[in-house]
C-alpha atoms as a PDB file:
ATOM      1  CA  MET A   1      14.080-154.650 103.275  1.00  0.00           C
ATOM      2  CA  THR A   2      17.780-153.699 103.426  1.00  0.00           C
ATOM      3  CA  ASN A   3      19.523-151.737 106.165  1.00  0.00           C
ATOM      4  CA  VAL A   4      20.276-148.008 106.245  1.00  0.00           C
ATOM      5  CA  GLU A   5      23.136-147.142 103.899  1.00  0.00           C
ATOM      6  CA  LEU A   6      25.707-144.414 104.529  1.00  0.00           C
ATOM      7  CA  TYR A   7      27.205-143.033 101.338  1.00  0.00           C
ATOM      8  CA  GLU A   8      30.206-140.716 101.208  1.00  0.00           C
ATOM      9  CA  VAL A   9      29.950-138.371  98.244  1.00  0.00           C
ATOM     10  CA  GLU A  10      32.786-138.645  95.760  1.00  0.00           C
ATOM     11  CA  GLN A  11      34.379-135.573  94.155  1.00  0.00           C
ATOM     12  CA  ASP A  12      32.866-136.498  90.798  1.00  0.00           C
ATOM     13  CA  ARG A  13      29.342-136.186  92.233  1.00  0.00           C
ATOM     14  CA  ALA A  14      29.853-132.782  93.840  1.00  0.00           C
ATOM     15  CA  GLY A  15      27.205-130.362  92.639  1.00  0.00           C
ATOM     16  CA  GLN A  16      24.541-132.969  91.914  1.00  0.00           C
ATOM     17  CA  ARG A  17      21.106-132.334  93.396  1.00  0.00           C
ATOM     18  CA  ILE A  18      20.102-134.790  96.109  1.00  0.00           C
ATOM     19  CA  ASP A  19      16.817-135.666  94.377  1.00  0.00           C
ATOM     20  CA  ASN A  20      18.621-136.550  91.144  1.00  0.00           C
ATOM     21  CA  PHE A  21      21.200-138.547  93.105  1.00  0.00           C
ATOM     22  CA  LEU A  22      18.456-140.599  94.771  1.00  0.00           C
ATOM     23  CA  ILE A  23      16.528-141.099  91.513  1.00  0.00           C
ATOM     24  CA  GLY A  24      19.700-142.544  90.013  1.00  0.00           C
ATOM     25  CA  HIS A  25      20.477-144.606  93.111  1.00  0.00           C
ATOM     26  CA  TRP A  26      16.946-146.058  93.363  1.00  0.00           C
ATOM     27  CA  LYS A  27      16.417-146.794  89.688  1.00  0.00           C
ATOM     28  CA  SER A  28      13.196-148.770  90.280  1.00  0.00           C
ATOM     29  CA  VAL A  29      11.649-146.426  92.852  1.00  0.00           C
ATOM     30  CA  PRO A  30       8.946-144.034  91.565  1.00  0.00           C
ATOM     31  CA  ARG A  31       9.915-140.366  91.635  1.00  0.00           C
ATOM     32  CA  SER A  32       6.895-139.608  93.852  1.00  0.00           C
ATOM     33  CA  ARG A  33       8.319-142.001  96.455  1.00  0.00           C
ATOM     34  CA  VAL A  34      11.730-140.326  96.288  1.00  0.00           C
ATOM     35  CA  TYR A  35      10.250-136.879  96.983  1.00  0.00           C
ATOM     36  CA  ARG A  36       8.040-138.268  99.750  1.00  0.00           C
ATOM     37  CA  VAL A  37      11.068-139.769 101.505  1.00  0.00           C
ATOM     38  CA  LEU A  38      12.875-136.419 101.220  1.00  0.00           C
ATOM     39  CA  ARG A  39       9.882-134.489 102.601  1.00  0.00           C
ATOM     40  CA  LYS A  40       9.635-136.819 105.588  1.00  0.00           C
ATOM     41  CA  GLY A  41      13.297-136.264 106.400  1.00  0.00           C
ATOM     42  CA  GLU A  42      14.261-139.917 106.075  1.00  0.00           C
ATOM     43  CA  VAL A  43      17.221-138.915 103.925  1.00  0.00           C
ATOM     44  CA  ARG A  44      19.890-136.966 105.828  1.00  0.00           C
ATOM     45  CA  VAL A  45      23.050-135.276 104.670  1.00  0.00           C
ATOM     46  CA  ASN A  46      25.671-134.909 107.382  1.00  0.00           C
ATOM     47  CA  GLY A  47      22.899-135.706 109.868  1.00  0.00           C
ATOM     48  CA  LYS A  48      20.578-132.922 108.678  1.00  0.00           C
ATOM     49  CA  ARG A  49      17.351-132.818 106.675  1.00  0.00           C
ATOM     50  CA  VAL A  50      17.729-131.393 103.200  1.00  0.00           C
ATOM     51  CA  LYS A  51      15.405-130.130 100.484  1.00  0.00           C
ATOM     52  CA  PRO A  52      15.283-131.774  97.018  1.00  0.00           C
ATOM     53  CA  GLU A  53      17.302-128.936  95.479  1.00  0.00           C
ATOM     54  CA  TYR A  54      20.234-129.359  97.890  1.00  0.00           C
ATOM     55  CA  ARG A  55      23.476-129.840  95.936  1.00  0.00           C
ATOM     56  CA  LEU A  56      25.874-132.459  97.248  1.00  0.00           C
ATOM     57  CA  GLU A  57      29.432-131.561  98.196  1.00  0.00           C
ATOM     58  CA  ALA A  58      32.475-133.809  98.141  1.00  0.00           C
ATOM     59  CA  ASN A  59      32.773-135.886 101.350  1.00  0.00           C
ATOM     60  CA  ASP A  60      29.161-135.285 102.363  1.00  0.00           C
ATOM     61  CA  THR A  61      27.707-138.302 104.180  1.00  0.00           C
ATOM     62  CA  VAL A  62      24.274-139.256 102.867  1.00  0.00           C
ATOM     63  CA  ARG A  63      21.991-141.405 104.999  1.00  0.00           C
ATOM     64  CA  ILE A  64      19.978-143.499 102.539  1.00  0.00           C
ATOM     65  CA  PRO A  65      17.039-145.251 104.243  1.00  0.00           C
ATOM     66  CA  PRO A  66      15.699-148.641 103.231  1.00  0.00           C
ATOM     67  CA  VAL A  67      12.748-148.436 100.846  1.00  0.00           C
ATOM     68  CA  ARG A  68      10.162-151.187 100.574  1.00  0.00           C
ATOM     69  CA  LEU A  69       8.496-151.304  97.184  1.00  0.00           C
ATOM     70  CA  SER A  70       4.790-152.001  97.431  1.00  0.00           C
ATOM     71  CA  GLU A  71       4.195-151.083  93.827  1.00  0.00           C
ATOM     72  CA  LYS A  72       5.643-152.161  90.521  1.00  0.00           C
ATOM     73  CA  PRO A  73       8.825-150.538  89.278  1.00  0.00           C
ATOM     74  CA  VAL A  74       8.166-147.290  87.496  1.00  0.00           C
ATOM     75  CA  ASN A  75       9.771-148.454  84.276  1.00  0.00           C
ATOM     76  CA  THR A  76       9.886-152.058  83.159  1.00  0.00           C
ATOM     77  CA  ALA A  77       9.887-151.219  79.453  1.00  0.00           C
ATOM     78  CA  VAL A  78      12.889-151.987  77.277  1.00  0.00           C
ATOM     79  CA  PRO A  79      13.765-150.474  73.903  1.00  0.00           C
ATOM     80  CA  SER A  80      12.665-152.554  70.934  1.00  0.00           C
ATOM     81  CA  GLN A  81      15.232-153.917  68.520  1.00  0.00           C
ATOM     82  CA  SER A  82      14.032-151.327  66.025  1.00  0.00           C
ATOM     83  CA  LEU A  83      14.639-148.460  68.456  1.00  0.00           C
ATOM     84  CA  ARG A  84      18.037-149.893  69.454  1.00  0.00           C
ATOM     85  CA  HIS A  85      19.052-150.022  65.810  1.00  0.00           C
ATOM     86  CA  GLN A  86      17.715-146.504  65.228  1.00  0.00           C
ATOM     87  CA  LEU A  87      19.679-145.076  68.166  1.00  0.00           C
ATOM     88  CA  ASP A  88      22.845-146.923  67.172  1.00  0.00           C
ATOM     89  CA  LYS A  89      22.628-145.300  63.743  1.00  0.00           C
ATOM     90  CA  ALA A  90      21.829-141.925  65.360  1.00  0.00           C
ATOM     91  CA  ILE A  91      25.236-141.579  67.073  1.00  0.00           C
ATOM     92  CA  LEU A  92      26.971-138.527  65.632  1.00  0.00           C
ATOM     93  CA  TYR A  93      30.008-138.324  67.904  1.00  0.00           C
ATOM     94  CA  GLU A  94      31.378-140.351  70.815  1.00  0.00           C
ATOM     95  CA  ASP A  95      34.434-140.400  73.040  1.00  0.00           C
ATOM     96  CA  ASP A  96      35.220-141.497  76.599  1.00  0.00           C
ATOM     97  CA  VAL A  97      33.129-138.780  78.278  1.00  0.00           C
ATOM     98  CA  LEU A  98      30.497-137.698  75.775  1.00  0.00           C
ATOM     99  CA  VAL A  99      28.101-138.969  73.124  1.00  0.00           C
ATOM    100  CA  ALA A 100      25.993-136.930  70.687  1.00  0.00           C
ATOM    101  CA  LEU A 101      22.928-138.408  69.014  1.00  0.00           C
ATOM    102  CA  ASN A 102      20.493-137.264  66.356  1.00  0.00           C
ATOM    103  CA  LYS A 103      17.297-137.694  68.415  1.00  0.00           C
ATOM    104  CA  PRO A 104      14.388-138.961  66.335  1.00  0.00           C
ATOM    105  CA  HIS A 105      11.140-136.996  66.207  1.00  0.00           C
ATOM    106  CA  GLY A 106       8.526-138.370  68.612  1.00  0.00           C
ATOM    107  CA  LEU A 107      10.997-139.798  71.139  1.00  0.00           C
ATOM    108  CA  ALA A 108      11.024-137.990  74.498  1.00  0.00           C
ATOM    109  CA  VAL A 109      14.463-137.323  75.948  1.00  0.00           C
ATOM    110  CA  HIS A 110      13.343-138.974  79.212  1.00  0.00           C
ATOM    111  CA  GLY A 111      10.423-140.890  80.617  1.00  0.00           C
ATOM    112  CA  GLY A 112       7.664-139.456  82.806  1.00  0.00           C
ATOM    113  CA  SER A 113       4.136-138.043  82.467  1.00  0.00           C
ATOM    114  CA  GLY A 114       2.836-141.270  80.950  1.00  0.00           C
ATOM    115  CA  ILE A 115       6.030-141.974  78.932  1.00  0.00           C
ATOM    116  CA  SER A 116       7.737-145.103  80.219  1.00  0.00           C
ATOM    117  CA  LEU A 117      10.777-145.047  77.991  1.00  0.00           C
ATOM    118  CA  GLY A 118      12.700-142.087  76.634  1.00  0.00           C
ATOM    119  CA  LEU A 119      16.060-141.525  74.972  1.00  0.00           C
ATOM    120  CA  ILE A 120      18.095-141.564  78.189  1.00  0.00           C
ATOM    121  CA  GLU A 121      16.432-144.691  79.626  1.00  0.00           C
ATOM    122  CA  SER A 122      16.890-146.491  76.299  1.00  0.00           C
ATOM    123  CA  TYR A 123      20.551-145.540  76.078  1.00  0.00           C
ATOM    124  CA  ARG A 124      21.223-146.729  79.634  1.00  0.00           C
ATOM    125  CA  ILE A 125      19.728-150.106  78.819  1.00  0.00           C
ATOM    126  CA  MET A 126      21.698-150.298  75.568  1.00  0.00           C
ATOM    127  CA  ARG A 127      24.970-149.450  77.340  1.00  0.00           C
ATOM    128  CA  PRO A 128      24.885-151.362  80.649  1.00  0.00           C
ATOM    129  CA  GLU A 129      28.690-151.172  80.934  1.00  0.00           C
ATOM    130  CA  LEU A 130      28.492-147.406  81.549  1.00  0.00           C
ATOM    131  CA  THR A 131      28.212-146.484  85.224  1.00  0.00           C
ATOM    132  CA  PHE A 132      27.149-142.904  84.510  1.00  0.00           C
ATOM    133  CA  VAL A 133      24.755-141.743  81.762  1.00  0.00           C
ATOM    134  CA  GLU A 134      22.973-138.387  82.019  1.00  0.00           C
ATOM    135  CA  LEU A 135      21.384-135.872  79.648  1.00  0.00           C
ATOM    136  CA  VAL A 136      23.343-132.640  79.247  1.00  0.00           C
ATOM    137  CA  HIS A 137      20.342-130.716  77.869  1.00  0.00           C
ATOM    138  CA  ARG A 138      16.880-131.373  76.463  1.00  0.00           C
ATOM    139  CA  LEU A 139      14.850-131.219  73.280  1.00  0.00           C
ATOM    140  CA  ASP A 140      11.074-131.265  73.012  1.00  0.00           C
ATOM    141  CA  ARG A 141       9.632-134.624  72.103  1.00  0.00           C
ATOM    142  CA  ASP A 142       8.443-133.292  68.736  1.00  0.00           C
ATOM    143  CA  THR A 143      11.834-131.750  67.877  1.00  0.00           C
ATOM    144  CA  SER A 144      14.540-133.839  66.239  1.00  0.00           C
ATOM    145  CA  GLY A 145      18.286-133.255  66.187  1.00  0.00           C
ATOM    146  CA  VAL A 146      21.454-133.019  68.267  1.00  0.00           C
ATOM    147  CA  VAL A 147      21.293-134.125  71.913  1.00  0.00           C
ATOM    148  CA  LEU A 148      24.346-134.515  74.170  1.00  0.00           C
ATOM    149  CA  ILE A 149      24.699-137.248  76.789  1.00  0.00           C
ATOM    150  CA  ALA A 150      27.494-137.205  79.377  1.00  0.00           C
ATOM    151  CA  LYS A 151      29.273-140.437  80.312  1.00  0.00           C
ATOM    152  CA  LYS A 152      31.201-138.858  83.190  1.00  0.00           C
ATOM    153  CA  ARG A 153      29.888-136.576  85.945  1.00  0.00           C
ATOM    154  CA  SER A 154      32.835-134.219  85.420  1.00  0.00           C
ATOM    155  CA  ALA A 155      31.776-133.806  81.789  1.00  0.00           C
ATOM    156  CA  LEU A 156      28.156-133.187  82.796  1.00  0.00           C
ATOM    157  CA  LYS A 157      29.120-130.499  85.304  1.00  0.00           C
ATOM    158  CA  ALA A 158      31.429-128.751  82.839  1.00  0.00           C
ATOM    159  CA  LEU A 159      28.850-128.713  80.063  1.00  0.00           C
ATOM    160  CA  GLN A 160      25.973-127.689  82.313  1.00  0.00           C
ATOM    161  CA  GLU A 161      28.054-124.705  83.404  1.00  0.00           C
ATOM    162  CA  VAL A 162      28.649-123.790  79.757  1.00  0.00           C
ATOM    163  CA  PHE A 163      24.940-124.103  78.945  1.00  0.00           C
ATOM    164  CA  ARG A 164      24.062-122.017  82.006  1.00  0.00           C
ATOM    165  CA  HIS A 165      26.200-119.088  80.837  1.00  0.00           C
ATOM    166  CA  LYS A 166      25.468-119.661  77.105  1.00  0.00           C
ATOM    167  CA  THR A 167      28.384-117.541  75.903  1.00  0.00           C
ATOM    168  CA  GLU A 168      30.264-120.505  74.388  1.00  0.00           C
ATOM    169  CA  VAL A 169      27.230-122.407  73.092  1.00  0.00           C
ATOM    170  CA  LYS A 170      25.915-122.037  69.569  1.00  0.00           C
ATOM    171  CA  LYS A 171      22.663-123.764  68.632  1.00  0.00           C
ATOM    172  CA  VAL A 172      21.349-123.820  65.073  1.00  0.00           C
ATOM    173  CA  TYR A 173      17.843-125.000  64.294  1.00  0.00           C
ATOM    174  CA  TRP A 174      16.090-125.438  60.963  1.00  0.00           C
ATOM    175  CA  CYS A 175      12.370-124.847  60.674  1.00  0.00           C
ATOM    176  CA  LEU A 176       9.760-124.549  57.955  1.00  0.00           C
ATOM    177  CA  VAL A 177       7.372-121.705  58.705  1.00  0.00           C
ATOM    178  CA  HIS A 178       4.106-120.588  57.198  1.00  0.00           C
ATOM    179  CA  GLY A 179       4.249-117.663  54.761  1.00  0.00           C
ATOM    180  CA  HIS A 180       7.151-115.466  53.707  1.00  0.00           C
ATOM    181  CA  TRP A 181       9.540-114.620  56.533  1.00  0.00           C
ATOM    182  CA  PRO A 182      10.782-111.036  55.945  1.00  0.00           C
ATOM    183  CA  GLU A 183      14.449-110.898  54.913  1.00  0.00           C
ATOM    184  CA  ASP A 184      15.016-108.008  57.333  1.00  0.00           C
ATOM    185  CA  GLN A 185      13.413-109.740  60.360  1.00  0.00           C
ATOM    186  CA  HIS A 186      16.573-110.957  62.077  1.00  0.00           C
ATOM    187  CA  LEU A 187      15.777-110.820  65.784  1.00  0.00           C
ATOM    188  CA  ILE A 188      12.676-111.541  67.857  1.00  0.00           C
ATOM    189  CA  ASP A 189      13.112-110.101  71.350  1.00  0.00           C
ATOM    190  CA  VAL A 190       9.956-110.532  73.425  1.00  0.00           C
ATOM    191  CA  PRO A 191       9.494-111.985  76.940  1.00  0.00           C
ATOM    192  CA  LEU A 192       7.942-115.430  77.353  1.00  0.00           C
ATOM    193  CA  ARG A 193       5.875-116.851  80.209  1.00  0.00           C
ATOM    194  CA  LYS A 194       5.112-120.511  80.857  1.00  0.00           C
ATOM    195  CA  ASN A 195       1.490-121.421  81.585  1.00  0.00           C
ATOM    196  CA  ASP A 196       0.099-124.669  82.906  1.00  0.00           C
ATOM    197  CA  ALA A 197      -3.161-125.221  81.094  1.00  0.00           C
ATOM    198  CA  GLN A 198      -5.977-127.483  82.277  1.00  0.00           C
ATOM    199  CA  GLY A 199      -5.011-131.100  82.037  1.00  0.00           C
ATOM    200  CA  GLY A 200      -1.372-130.279  82.775  1.00  0.00           C
ATOM    201  CA  GLU A 201      -0.449-129.442  79.173  1.00  0.00           C
ATOM    202  CA  ARG A 202       2.151-126.698  79.190  1.00  0.00           C
ATOM    203  CA  THR A 203       1.951-123.737  76.853  1.00  0.00           C
ATOM    204  CA  VAL A 204       4.045-120.605  76.524  1.00  0.00           C
ATOM    205  CA  THR A 205       2.851-117.101  75.679  1.00  0.00           C
ATOM    206  CA  VAL A 206       4.375-113.705  74.998  1.00  0.00           C
ATOM    207  CA  ALA A 207       3.799-111.650  78.152  1.00  0.00           C
ATOM    208  CA  PRO A 208       5.273-108.429  79.647  1.00  0.00           C
ATOM    209  CA  ASP A 209       5.924-110.244  82.934  1.00  0.00           C
ATOM    210  CA  GLY A 210       7.648-113.173  81.226  1.00  0.00           C
ATOM    211  CA  LYS A 211      11.361-113.960  81.069  1.00  0.00           C
ATOM    212  CA  SER A 212      13.596-112.107  78.615  1.00  0.00           C
ATOM    213  CA  SER A 213      13.877-114.181  75.425  1.00  0.00           C
ATOM    214  CA  GLN A 214      15.709-113.608  72.149  1.00  0.00           C
ATOM    215  CA  THR A 215      15.956-115.669  68.961  1.00  0.00           C
ATOM    216  CA  ARG A 216      17.859-114.776  65.794  1.00  0.00           C
ATOM    217  CA  PHE A 217      16.298-115.815  62.473  1.00  0.00           C
ATOM    218  CA  ARG A 218      17.719-116.033  58.940  1.00  0.00           C
ATOM    219  CA  VAL A 219      15.856-117.010  55.775  1.00  0.00           C
ATOM    220  CA  LEU A 220      17.481-119.932  53.986  1.00  0.00           C
ATOM    221  CA  LYS A 221      14.958-120.151  51.156  1.00  0.00           C
ATOM    222  CA  SER A 222      11.450-118.911  50.374  1.00  0.00           C
ATOM    223  CA  PHE A 223       8.779-120.967  48.681  1.00  0.00           C
ATOM    224  CA  SER A 224       5.288-120.111  47.510  1.00  0.00           C
ATOM    225  CA  ARG A 225       3.512-120.704  50.829  1.00  0.00           C
ATOM    226  CA  CYS A 226       6.307-121.229  53.333  1.00  0.00           C
ATOM    227  CA  SER A 227       9.886-120.362  54.214  1.00  0.00           C
ATOM    228  CA  TRP A 228      12.840-122.499  55.278  1.00  0.00           C
ATOM    229  CA  VAL A 229      14.402-120.569  58.156  1.00  0.00           C
ATOM    230  CA  GLU A 230      17.433-120.918  60.408  1.00  0.00           C
ATOM    231  CA  ALA A 231      16.842-120.065  64.076  1.00  0.00           C
ATOM    232  CA  GLN A 232      19.551-119.441  66.665  1.00  0.00           C
ATOM    233  CA  PRO A 233      18.198-119.088  70.224  1.00  0.00           C
ATOM    234  CA  VAL A 234      20.145-116.572  72.281  1.00  0.00           C
ATOM    235  CA  THR A 235      18.285-117.570  75.455  1.00  0.00           C
ATOM    236  CA  GLY A 236      16.911-121.027  76.182  1.00  0.00           C
ATOM    237  CA  ARG A 237      13.259-120.774  77.166  1.00  0.00           C
ATOM    238  CA  THR A 238      10.676-123.536  76.814  1.00  0.00           C
ATOM    239  CA  HIS A 239       9.147-123.583  73.275  1.00  0.00           C
ATOM    240  CA  GLN A 240      11.083-120.388  72.548  1.00  0.00           C
ATOM    241  CA  ILE A 241      11.604-120.771  68.807  1.00  0.00           C
ATOM    242  CA  ARG A 242       8.050-121.996  68.297  1.00  0.00           C
ATOM    243  CA  VAL A 243       6.436-119.082  70.149  1.00  0.00           C
ATOM    244  CA  HIS A 244       8.743-116.464  68.649  1.00  0.00           C
ATOM    245  CA  ALA A 245       7.913-117.756  65.158  1.00  0.00           C
ATOM    246  CA  GLN A 246       4.217-117.573  66.017  1.00  0.00           C
ATOM    247  CA  TYR A 247       4.657-114.019  67.358  1.00  0.00           C
ATOM    248  CA  ALA A 248       6.356-112.992  64.102  1.00  0.00           C
ATOM    249  CA  GLY A 249       3.255-114.171  62.239  1.00  0.00           C
ATOM    250  CA  HIS A 250       4.972-117.187  60.735  1.00  0.00           C
ATOM    251  CA  PRO A 251       4.321-120.234  62.959  1.00  0.00           C
ATOM    252  CA  ILE A 252       6.279-123.406  62.353  1.00  0.00           C
ATOM    253  CA  LEU A 253       4.410-125.866  60.134  1.00  0.00           C
ATOM    254  CA  GLY A 254       3.265-129.025  61.852  1.00  0.00           C
ATOM    255  CA  ASP A 255       3.137-127.369  65.278  1.00  0.00           C
ATOM    256  CA  ASN A 256      -0.009-128.648  66.954  1.00  0.00           C
ATOM    257  CA  LYS A 257       0.284-126.091  69.765  1.00  0.00           C
ATOM    258  CA  TYR A 258       1.106-122.832  68.040  1.00  0.00           C
ATOM    259  CA  GLN A 259       0.379-122.995  64.316  1.00  0.00           C
ATOM    260  CA  SER A 260      -2.479-121.068  62.728  1.00  0.00           C
ATOM    261  CA  SER A 261      -5.433-122.623  60.913  1.00  0.00           C
ATOM    262  CA  ARG A 262      -3.975-121.462  57.606  1.00  0.00           C
ATOM    263  CA  GLY A 263      -0.630-122.940  58.506  1.00  0.00           C
ATOM    264  CA  GLU A 264      -2.350-126.170  59.475  1.00  0.00           C
ATOM    265  CA  ALA A 265      -3.984-126.294  56.049  1.00  0.00           C
ATOM    266  CA  VAL A 266      -0.623-125.763  54.298  1.00  0.00           C
ATOM    267  CA  ALA A 267       1.023-128.494  56.411  1.00  0.00           C
ATOM    268  CA  ARG A 268      -1.803-130.863  55.538  1.00  0.00           C
ATOM    269  CA  GLU A 269      -1.500-130.121  51.827  1.00  0.00           C
ATOM    270  CA  LEU A 270       2.266-130.699  51.980  1.00  0.00           C
ATOM    271  CA  GLY A 271       1.721-134.022  53.752  1.00  0.00           C
ATOM    272  CA  LEU A 272       3.662-132.815  56.816  1.00  0.00           C
ATOM    273  CA  ARG A 273       2.655-134.933  59.813  1.00  0.00           C
ATOM    274  CA  ARG A 274       5.162-133.636  62.357  1.00  0.00           C
ATOM    275  CA  LEU A 275       6.672-130.434  63.684  1.00  0.00           C
ATOM    276  CA  PHE A 276       9.258-129.162  61.224  1.00  0.00           C
ATOM    277  CA  LEU A 277      11.819-128.120  63.827  1.00  0.00           C
ATOM    278  CA  HIS A 278      15.254-129.701  63.822  1.00  0.00           C
ATOM    279  CA  ALA A 279      18.355-129.062  65.958  1.00  0.00           C
ATOM    280  CA  ALA A 280      20.776-129.119  63.052  1.00  0.00           C
ATOM    281  CA  GLN A 281      24.024-128.065  64.744  1.00  0.00           C
ATOM    282  CA  LEU A 282      25.445-127.616  68.213  1.00  0.00           C
ATOM    283  CA  THR A 283      28.831-126.106  69.060  1.00  0.00           C
ATOM    284  CA  VAL A 284      30.286-126.323  72.586  1.00  0.00           C
ATOM    285  CA  PRO A 285      33.741-126.433  74.166  1.00  0.00           C
ATOM    286  CA  HIS A 286      34.740-130.032  74.784  1.00  0.00           C
ATOM    287  CA  PRO A 287      34.385-130.672  78.549  1.00  0.00           C
ATOM    288  CA  ILE A 288      37.909-132.116  78.840  1.00  0.00           C
ATOM    289  CA  SER A 289      40.098-130.538  76.164  1.00  0.00           C
ATOM    290  CA  GLY A 290      38.245-127.237  75.879  1.00  0.00           C
ATOM    291  CA  ASP A 291      38.523-127.415  72.088  1.00  0.00           C
ATOM    292  CA  ARG A 292      35.486-126.260  70.107  1.00  0.00           C
ATOM    293  CA  LEU A 293      33.296-129.242  69.230  1.00  0.00           C
ATOM    294  CA  THR A 294      30.705-128.875  66.487  1.00  0.00           C
ATOM    295  CA  VAL A 295      28.172-131.638  65.924  1.00  0.00           C
ATOM    296  CA  LYS A 296      25.825-131.619  62.936  1.00  0.00           C
ATOM    297  CA  ALA A 297      22.660-133.672  62.474  1.00  0.00           C
ATOM    298  CA  ALA A 298      21.020-134.355  59.118  1.00  0.00           C
ATOM    299  CA  LEU A 299      17.284-133.988  58.596  1.00  0.00           C
ATOM    300  CA  ASP A 300      15.309-137.211  58.704  1.00  0.00           C
ATOM    301  CA  PRO A 301      14.276-138.551  55.273  1.00  0.00           C
ATOM    302  CA  ALA A 302      10.682-137.276  55.523  1.00  0.00           C
ATOM    303  CA  LEU A 303      11.762-133.665  56.066  1.00  0.00           C
ATOM    304  CA  GLU A 304      14.590-133.920  53.532  1.00  0.00           C
ATOM    305  CA  ASN A 305      12.177-135.242  50.917  1.00  0.00           C
ATOM    306  CA  LEU A 306       9.740-132.426  51.633  1.00  0.00           C
ATOM    307  CA  LEU A 307      12.460-129.805  51.072  1.00  0.00           C
ATOM    308  CA  THR A 308      13.492-131.557  47.862  1.00  0.00           C
ATOM    309  CA  THR A 309       9.909-131.422  46.614  1.00  0.00           C
ATOM    310  CA  LEU A 310       9.593-127.725  47.515  1.00  0.00           C
ATOM    311  CA  ASN A 311      12.874-126.930  45.775  1.00  0.00           C
ATOM    312  CA  LYS A 312      11.541-128.423  42.567  1.00  0.00           C
ATOM    313  CA  CYS A 313       8.760-125.878  42.615  1.00  0.00           C
ATOM    314  CA  SER A 314       9.338-122.304  41.567  1.00  0.00           C
ATOM    315  CA  PRO A 315      10.129-120.043  44.562  1.00  0.00           C
ATOM    316  CA  ALA A 316       7.991-117.016  45.209  1.00  0.00           C
END
């Protein structure tokens, strides 16, 4: 067991939550242990106990206690050569402070809840020369498309501020929904509430006491039993596009949480084995230059081939 460590917070780490700082510092320590150490007051900032949500300030002195591991590291998995190759090919944009990737369907953005290896853990292993690698935002595991990763804390802070205010962020998603989306249905504005169902599986419902939520929709093309639709979330709630599409009566095909039985039948007939929801484009101000940065992500071959097949059929 090592001795107590005193760490003086650098300017670049100002604003980071203490729990996230410790999780990054103790890479092999389970998250449950990190929060237990915080609850017991073994971690001190400027000599005082702090809660997990405390945000560090420049020149804070953090007392980091020794931690003896009596259990195996939380993540000993490494990305396969196949995944490494896939993620290398998925890079859409990269510079000194930022990288954008086209996240594959089925890959979680981070580990946890039974997932030992996600996008961020894989990327850290693939790029050991980088001293800082953090997600800027998230996508659901079943959603593919643009994800931003910061390679500098200053870039992370700048982009998180932009995402928090949303005024300079433009997100464009593509989805294939059941039925004919009405051409004049441009905005869904209904509040959403998160629910924790039995077994810990999270669902979201439309509810008067939920949080204000708005999504703009635009029909790209109609087919006989489904519609290819563009969705632009104005707010950023969990499962927002999926639940708003369901509320409109046109759930996204391949959605195992929110699609209807008829939609499930159509997805099965089309051979769709995944959620057809793709983050196709993201526009943000660059965290250093401030210039508008637009990153586009192509559909994966399975979804592209499905659209090609549908286009060969006569539209409704």
